[in-house]
Amino acid sequence: MSRAGQDGSARKEQRDRVLEAAAALFAEKGFGGTGMRELARRAGVSLSMINYYFGSKQGVLEKLLDDQHDRYVAAVKGALESAETVEGKVRAWVRAAVTVARHQGAAMRVAFIDLPREAPGVLEQKASRIHEVVQLMATHVFGPIGRTGDMHFLGPALGSAVMSHFMIRPMLERVVAGLPTDDAFFERYVEAISGQLLYGLVGRPPPAETEAGRTPAAPAILFPGLKPAGPRPDAPE
């Protein structure tokens, strides 16, 4: 690699360290509670370097938000476009969102939860980026099932259901001893949350009963056109 290439790679690595440190500190202490010198120490860079690349603490926050929303929007778009059915799109969306949140938990908390009053314009910045996700969900999920009019309350509810674990994971780790972090746990998480979103709190609709006097299967709550998936393997006889 040329000297110029090495310098460029080093600068990118420094900027990435600043953004990673900022995500951790902003998620832990809030934007207002994080000082620039503390950020420089956590990132292992000079204060002048942060000012040179980002201009200010707000500049760091704005870059962090843009990068995180870029990752999330790209993941959501790819997931929704990869599936044919609405059910498949919901499952793909949940999986993509969980993957991003699993590896970018602190940045996700900053991007979607924290609304620092000390940073003018941040709310508008977040709203404009979240609007991109809203448009994707309207096109691929809510539009096809004729429920775009319900998006203003169903959208946040669905998003919260997917992200809630990651938003409060630092607290959960203090409540639940040995909270899993392995692939098997998150695979179960994806399946459980997908089932809840598609079929309601029971996880799946019950199988249709054919015996006389038995109640037929309840329709899926959010997606009434979906067929029952049958009893869960762990369901009691």
Protein backbone atom coordinates (compact mmCIF):
# COMPACT_ATOMS: atom_id res chain seq x y z
CA MET A 1 0.00 0.00 0.00
CA SER A 2 1.27 3.49 -0.84
CA ARG A 3 2.06 6.06 1.83
CA ALA A 4 -1.05 8.02 0.85
CA GLY A 5 -3.15 4.89 1.13
CA GLN A 6 -1.71 4.10 4.57
CA ASP A 7 -2.42 7.65 5.76
CA GLY A 8 -5.99 7.47 4.48
CA SER A 9 -6.54 4.13 6.19
CA ALA A 10 -5.12 5.48 9.44
CA ARG A 11 -7.38 8.54 9.31
CA LYS A 12 -10.44 6.38 8.69
CA GLU A 13 -9.47 4.13 11.58
CA GLN A 14 -9.17 7.17 13.85
CA ARG A 15 -12.55 8.54 12.77
CA ASP A 16 -14.14 5.14 13.31
CA ARG A 17 -12.67 4.99 16.82
CA VAL A 18 -14.15 8.39 17.62
CA LEU A 19 -17.59 7.35 16.40
CA GLU A 20 -17.44 4.06 18.31
CA ALA A 21 -16.39 5.85 21.49
CA ALA A 22 -19.09 8.49 20.97
CA ALA A 23 -21.79 5.83 20.58
CA ALA A 24 -20.73 4.18 23.84
CA LEU A 25 -20.47 7.45 25.80
CA PHE A 26 -23.63 9.05 24.43
CA ALA A 27 -25.58 5.86 25.16
CA GLU A 28 -24.12 5.64 28.67
CA LYS A 29 -24.04 9.28 29.75
CA GLY A 30 -26.12 11.15 27.22
CA PHE A 31 -24.96 13.77 24.79
CA GLY A 32 -24.94 16.55 27.37
CA GLY A 33 -23.09 14.44 29.92
CA THR A 34 -20.20 13.60 27.60
CA GLY A 35 -17.25 15.97 27.38
CA MET A 36 -14.99 16.32 24.36
CA ARG A 37 -11.85 15.55 26.36
CA GLU A 38 -13.48 12.41 27.72
CA LEU A 39 -14.42 11.41 24.19
CA ALA A 40 -10.85 11.97 22.99
CA ARG A 41 -9.48 9.82 25.85
CA ARG A 42 -11.95 7.00 25.15
CA ALA A 43 -11.12 7.05 21.44
CA GLY A 44 -7.38 7.33 22.02
CA VAL A 45 -7.01 10.40 19.81
CA SER A 46 -6.24 14.06 20.34
CA LEU A 47 -8.92 16.68 20.92
CA SER A 48 -7.59 18.65 17.96
CA MET A 49 -8.08 15.60 15.72
CA ILE A 50 -11.77 15.38 16.67
CA ASN A 51 -12.23 19.09 16.01
CA TYR A 52 -10.44 18.78 12.68
CA TYR A 53 -12.59 15.92 11.37
CA PHE A 54 -15.93 16.68 13.00
CA GLY A 55 -15.82 20.36 13.97
CA SER A 56 -17.60 19.93 17.28
CA LYS A 57 -19.32 17.44 19.54
CA GLN A 58 -22.53 18.01 17.61
CA GLY A 59 -20.64 17.25 14.42
CA VAL A 60 -19.65 13.90 15.93
CA LEU A 61 -23.27 13.18 16.84
CA GLU A 62 -24.59 14.12 13.40
CA LYS A 63 -22.04 11.87 11.67
CA LEU A 64 -22.83 9.04 14.08
CA LEU A 65 -26.55 9.36 13.36
CA ASP A 66 -26.08 9.49 9.60
CA ASP A 67 -23.80 6.44 9.56
CA GLN A 68 -26.10 4.41 11.79
CA HIS A 69 -29.22 5.30 9.84
CA ASP A 70 -27.39 4.51 6.58
CA ARG A 71 -26.64 1.03 7.91
CA TYR A 72 -30.16 0.48 9.16
CA VAL A 73 -31.95 1.78 6.06
CA ALA A 74 -29.73 -0.30 3.77
CA ALA A 75 -30.37 -3.41 5.86
CA VAL A 76 -34.13 -2.84 5.96
CA LYS A 77 -34.35 -2.09 2.24
CA GLY A 78 -32.38 -5.18 1.31
CA ALA A 79 -34.45 -7.37 3.63
CA LEU A 80 -37.83 -6.13 2.41
CA GLU A 81 -36.84 -6.46 -1.23
CA SER A 82 -35.49 -10.00 -0.71
CA ALA A 83 -38.85 -11.58 0.17
CA GLU A 84 -41.95 -12.16 -1.91
CA THR A 85 -44.77 -12.37 0.64
CA VAL A 86 -45.74 -9.91 3.36
CA GLU A 87 -45.03 -12.55 6.00
CA GLY A 88 -41.62 -13.16 4.46
CA LYS A 89 -40.90 -9.44 4.37
CA VAL A 90 -41.78 -9.02 8.06
CA ARG A 91 -39.52 -11.92 9.04
CA ALA A 92 -36.69 -10.60 6.86
CA TRP A 93 -37.09 -7.12 8.34
CA VAL A 94 -36.97 -8.45 11.91
CA ARG A 95 -33.85 -10.48 11.13
CA ALA A 96 -32.10 -7.52 9.50
CA ALA A 97 -33.01 -5.14 12.34
CA VAL A 98 -31.82 -7.61 14.96
CA THR A 99 -28.54 -8.13 13.13
CA VAL A 100 -27.83 -4.40 13.03
CA ALA A 101 -28.89 -3.87 16.65
CA ARG A 102 -26.89 -6.86 17.86
CA HIS A 103 -23.64 -5.45 16.48
CA GLN A 104 -24.40 -1.73 16.86
CA GLY A 105 -26.38 -1.67 20.11
CA ALA A 106 -25.02 1.58 21.56
CA ALA A 107 -25.28 3.44 18.26
CA MET A 108 -28.83 2.17 17.80
CA ARG A 109 -29.83 3.48 21.23
CA VAL A 110 -28.40 6.88 20.36
CA ALA A 111 -29.96 6.91 16.90
CA PHE A 112 -33.47 5.88 17.89
CA ILE A 113 -33.98 6.76 21.55
CA ASP A 114 -31.84 9.65 22.77
CA LEU A 115 -33.18 13.08 21.81
CA PRO A 116 -30.59 15.53 23.17
CA ARG A 117 -32.03 18.96 23.80
CA GLU A 118 -28.51 20.35 23.78
CA ALA A 119 -28.09 19.51 20.09
CA PRO A 120 -30.25 21.75 17.87
CA GLY A 121 -31.59 20.13 14.75
CA VAL A 122 -31.00 16.54 15.82
CA LEU A 123 -34.69 15.72 16.13
CA GLU A 124 -35.27 16.93 12.58
CA GLN A 125 -32.27 14.94 11.35
CA LYS A 126 -33.60 11.76 12.96
CA ALA A 127 -37.11 12.33 11.70
CA SER A 128 -35.96 12.76 8.10
CA ARG A 129 -33.99 9.49 8.22
CA ILE A 130 -36.71 7.50 9.98
CA HIS A 131 -39.11 8.72 7.30
CA GLU A 132 -37.10 6.62 4.85
CA VAL A 133 -37.87 3.50 6.89
CA VAL A 134 -41.53 4.49 7.15
CA GLN A 135 -41.76 4.77 3.37
CA LEU A 136 -40.19 1.33 2.91
CA MET A 137 -42.56 -0.26 5.40
CA ALA A 138 -45.55 1.45 3.78
CA THR A 139 -44.55 0.12 0.36
CA HIS A 140 -43.69 -3.43 1.37
CA VAL A 141 -45.83 -4.23 4.43
CA PHE A 142 -48.62 -1.86 5.40
CA GLY A 143 -49.70 -0.95 1.87
CA PRO A 144 -50.20 -4.54 0.67
CA ILE A 145 -52.41 -5.35 3.68
CA GLY A 146 -54.36 -2.09 3.41
CA ARG A 147 -53.26 -0.65 6.76
CA THR A 148 -51.25 2.44 5.89
CA GLY A 149 -53.78 4.48 7.89
CA ASP A 150 -52.70 2.61 11.03
CA MET A 151 -48.98 3.18 10.57
CA HIS A 152 -48.79 6.12 12.96
CA PHE A 153 -49.45 3.78 15.90
CA LEU A 154 -48.65 0.30 14.55
CA GLY A 155 -45.28 1.35 13.12
CA PRO A 156 -43.78 2.55 16.41
CA ALA A 157 -45.31 -0.45 18.22
CA LEU A 158 -43.71 -2.93 15.82
CA GLY A 159 -40.37 -1.13 15.86
CA SER A 160 -40.37 -1.03 19.66
CA ALA A 161 -41.15 -4.74 19.85
CA VAL A 162 -38.13 -5.56 17.70
CA MET A 163 -35.71 -3.12 19.36
CA SER A 164 -36.82 -3.21 23.00
CA HIS A 165 -34.34 -5.91 24.01
CA PHE A 166 -31.42 -3.93 22.63
CA MET A 167 -32.60 -0.60 23.98
CA ILE A 168 -32.64 -1.91 27.57
CA ARG A 169 -30.01 -4.65 27.30
CA PRO A 170 -27.57 -2.84 29.64
CA MET A 171 -30.24 -3.07 32.37
CA LEU A 172 -31.20 -6.63 31.43
CA GLU A 173 -27.59 -7.71 31.86
CA ARG A 174 -27.81 -6.59 35.48
CA VAL A 175 -31.15 -8.31 36.04
CA VAL A 176 -30.66 -11.61 34.21
CA ALA A 177 -27.54 -13.51 35.16
CA GLY A 178 -25.74 -14.88 32.14
CA LEU A 179 -27.92 -13.20 29.53
CA PRO A 180 -27.11 -15.10 26.30
CA THR A 181 -25.18 -13.50 23.47
CA ASP A 182 -24.83 -16.47 21.13
CA ASP A 183 -26.30 -17.01 17.67
CA ALA A 184 -28.85 -19.55 18.93
CA PHE A 185 -30.33 -17.00 21.36
CA PHE A 186 -30.76 -14.35 18.69
CA GLU A 187 -32.22 -16.88 16.26
CA ARG A 188 -34.86 -17.68 18.87
CA TYR A 189 -35.36 -13.96 19.38
CA VAL A 190 -35.98 -13.39 15.66
CA GLU A 191 -38.48 -16.25 15.47
CA ALA A 192 -40.31 -15.25 18.66
CA ILE A 193 -40.62 -11.57 17.75
CA SER A 194 -41.60 -12.36 14.16
CA GLY A 195 -44.33 -14.67 15.41
CA GLN A 196 -45.59 -12.12 17.90
CA LEU A 197 -45.76 -9.38 15.28
CA LEU A 198 -47.49 -11.59 12.75
CA TYR A 199 -49.93 -13.44 14.97
CA GLY A 200 -50.25 -11.60 18.27
CA LEU A 201 -49.10 -12.37 21.79
CA VAL A 202 -49.78 -16.10 21.53
CA GLY A 203 -46.85 -16.35 19.13
CA ARG A 204 -48.84 -18.31 16.53
CA PRO A 205 -52.50 -18.77 15.85
CA PRO A 206 -53.86 -22.06 17.23
CA PRO A 207 -54.52 -24.88 14.77
CA ALA A 208 -58.01 -25.09 13.30
CA GLU A 209 -60.27 -27.42 15.25
CA THR A 210 -62.55 -29.70 13.27
CA GLU A 211 -64.33 -31.52 16.09
CA ALA A 212 -67.93 -30.55 16.77
CA GLY A 213 -68.29 -27.86 19.36
CA ARG A 214 -64.67 -26.67 19.17
CA THR A 215 -63.78 -23.04 18.45
CA PRO A 216 -62.13 -22.43 15.04
CA ALA A 217 -58.66 -20.93 14.90
CA ALA A 218 -58.45 -17.22 15.60
CA PRO A 219 -57.29 -15.11 12.65
CA ALA A 220 -53.85 -13.55 12.69
CA ILE A 221 -54.07 -10.18 14.40
CA LEU A 222 -51.97 -8.00 12.12
CA PHE A 223 -52.16 -10.07 8.95
CA PRO A 224 -55.60 -11.69 8.81
CA GLY A 225 -54.89 -13.36 5.47
CA LEU A 226 -52.17 -15.62 6.88
CA LYS A 227 -52.93 -19.27 7.44
CA PRO A 228 -52.40 -20.88 10.85
CA ALA A 229 -48.93 -22.36 11.21
CA GLY A 230 -49.99 -25.28 13.39
CA PRO A 231 -49.15 -26.03 17.01
CA ARG A 232 -45.76 -25.14 18.37
CA PRO A 233 -43.42 -28.10 18.97
CA ASP A 234 -43.23 -27.31 22.67
CA ALA A 235 -46.98 -26.85 23.11
CA PRO A 236 -48.64 -29.14 25.70
CA GLU A 237 -50.95 -31.88 24.45
